[in-house]
């Protein structure tokens, strides 16, 4: 296993998946983890007309980074290299997009798509 796709949302379930991943990449110097967080899209009816696309992008970026923060810290402290991927959409469908292009050789999922 060289690349492991690891969807995380900051929930206890996703952090247990990080613990599992650490067990499986330990001692594999070429292993890399692809952290993935998927943010729900913001619907036009949910925001004020004064909210710009840039503001929505910043909101997704902040929420996604916060959701990946603890998982990233766990991987960093174990010396496991990782890449962060942030997508907007429905979790199950979105998880098949961007990181697939990087050809992960395995993936680990928490118990629920929205583990919170």
Protein backbone atom coordinates (compact mmCIF):
# COMPACT_ATOMS: atom_id res chain seq x y z
CA UNK A 1 0.00 0.00 0.00
CA UNK A 2 1.65 3.22 -1.17
CA UNK A 3 -1.25 5.69 -1.02
CA UNK A 4 -4.14 5.50 1.40
CA UNK A 5 -7.29 7.59 0.83
CA UNK A 6 -8.58 8.67 4.21
CA UNK A 7 -11.83 10.70 4.31
CA UNK A 8 -12.03 12.68 7.55
CA UNK A 9 -14.59 15.02 9.07
CA UNK A 10 -13.11 15.53 12.53
CA UNK A 11 -15.51 13.05 14.15
CA UNK A 12 -14.36 10.37 16.61
CA UNK A 13 -15.11 7.76 13.93
CA UNK A 14 -12.86 9.40 11.36
CA UNK A 15 -10.09 9.82 13.94
CA UNK A 16 -10.29 6.08 14.68
CA UNK A 17 -9.79 5.55 10.94
CA UNK A 18 -6.63 7.68 11.22
CA UNK A 19 -5.42 5.45 14.07
CA UNK A 20 -6.09 2.40 11.90
CA UNK A 21 -4.20 4.02 9.02
CA UNK A 22 -1.21 4.72 11.24
CA UNK A 23 -1.02 1.03 12.14
CA UNK A 24 -1.03 0.05 8.47
CA UNK A 25 1.51 2.56 7.18
CA UNK A 26 3.95 2.18 10.08
CA UNK A 27 7.33 1.06 8.84
CA UNK A 28 6.51 1.83 5.20
CA UNK A 29 8.71 4.76 4.22
CA UNK A 30 7.03 5.17 0.82
CA UNK A 31 3.49 5.26 2.24
CA UNK A 32 1.49 8.47 1.88
CA UNK A 33 -1.96 9.34 3.20
CA UNK A 34 -4.42 11.37 1.12
CA UNK A 35 -6.65 13.18 3.61
CA UNK A 36 -10.02 14.08 2.14
CA UNK A 37 -12.71 16.36 3.53
CA UNK A 38 -15.94 17.06 1.68
CA UNK A 39 -17.92 20.18 2.58
CA UNK A 40 -21.64 20.42 1.85
CA UNK A 41 -22.46 22.96 -0.85
CA UNK A 42 -24.08 26.22 0.16
CA UNK A 43 -27.44 26.71 -1.52
CA UNK A 44 -28.42 30.16 -2.79
CA UNK A 45 -31.47 30.22 -0.54
CA UNK A 46 -29.23 29.67 2.51
CA UNK A 47 -27.23 32.88 2.16
CA UNK A 48 -27.77 36.60 1.90
CA UNK A 49 -27.48 38.25 -1.52
CA UNK A 50 -24.50 40.13 -0.05
CA UNK A 51 -22.45 36.95 0.36
CA UNK A 52 -19.92 36.58 -2.44
CA UNK A 53 -18.58 33.40 -4.00
CA UNK A 54 -15.23 34.25 -2.43
CA UNK A 55 -16.81 34.36 1.02
CA UNK A 56 -18.39 30.94 0.47
CA UNK A 57 -15.04 29.58 -0.74
CA UNK A 58 -13.35 30.92 2.42
CA UNK A 59 -16.06 29.35 4.57
CA UNK A 60 -15.54 25.93 2.94
CA UNK A 61 -11.77 26.29 3.19
CA UNK A 62 -11.86 27.18 6.91
CA UNK A 63 -14.33 24.42 7.79
CA UNK A 64 -12.42 21.82 5.79
CA UNK A 65 -9.05 22.71 7.30
CA UNK A 66 -10.59 22.62 10.78
CA UNK A 67 -12.11 19.17 10.10
CA UNK A 68 -8.71 17.83 8.95
CA UNK A 69 -6.66 19.56 11.67
CA UNK A 70 -6.55 16.76 14.26
CA UNK A 71 -6.06 14.01 11.66
CA UNK A 72 -3.19 16.00 10.14
CA UNK A 73 -1.62 16.48 13.58
CA UNK A 74 -1.82 12.74 14.27
CA UNK A 75 -0.13 11.92 10.96
CA UNK A 76 2.50 14.63 11.37
CA UNK A 77 3.42 13.47 14.87
CA UNK A 78 3.87 9.92 13.54
CA UNK A 79 6.03 11.21 10.68
CA UNK A 80 3.60 10.00 8.02
CA UNK A 81 3.48 12.26 4.95
CA UNK A 82 0.06 13.32 3.79
CA UNK A 83 -1.71 15.51 1.26
CA UNK A 84 -4.91 17.40 2.08
CA UNK A 85 -7.80 17.45 -0.38
CA UNK A 86 -10.87 19.59 0.12
CA UNK A 87 -13.95 19.12 -2.06
CA UNK A 88 -17.44 20.56 -2.06
CA UNK A 89 -20.41 18.27 -2.73
CA UNK A 90 -22.05 15.09 -1.47
CA UNK A 91 -19.52 13.00 0.50
CA UNK A 92 -19.97 9.62 -1.21
CA UNK A 93 -19.87 10.97 -4.75
CA UNK A 94 -17.24 13.64 -4.14
CA UNK A 95 -14.84 11.16 -2.58
CA UNK A 96 -14.54 9.47 -5.97
CA UNK A 97 -13.27 12.64 -7.66
CA UNK A 98 -9.94 14.41 -7.08
CA UNK A 99 -7.86 11.88 -5.10
CA UNK A 100 -8.70 9.06 -7.52
CA UNK A 101 -6.56 10.85 -10.09
CA UNK A 102 -3.67 10.26 -7.71
CA UNK A 103 -4.43 6.50 -7.69
CA UNK A 104 -4.73 5.52 -4.03
CA UNK A 105 -4.04 1.85 -3.48
CA UNK A 106 -6.34 1.58 -0.44
CA UNK A 107 -8.93 3.56 1.48
CA UNK A 108 -10.31 3.63 5.00
CA UNK A 109 -13.75 4.96 5.93
CA UNK A 110 -15.25 5.73 9.32
CA UNK A 111 -18.57 4.19 10.35
CA UNK A 112 -20.75 6.97 8.90
CA UNK A 113 -20.28 9.36 6.01
CA UNK A 114 -21.23 12.24 8.31
CA UNK A 115 -19.59 10.90 11.46
CA UNK A 116 -20.75 13.75 13.67
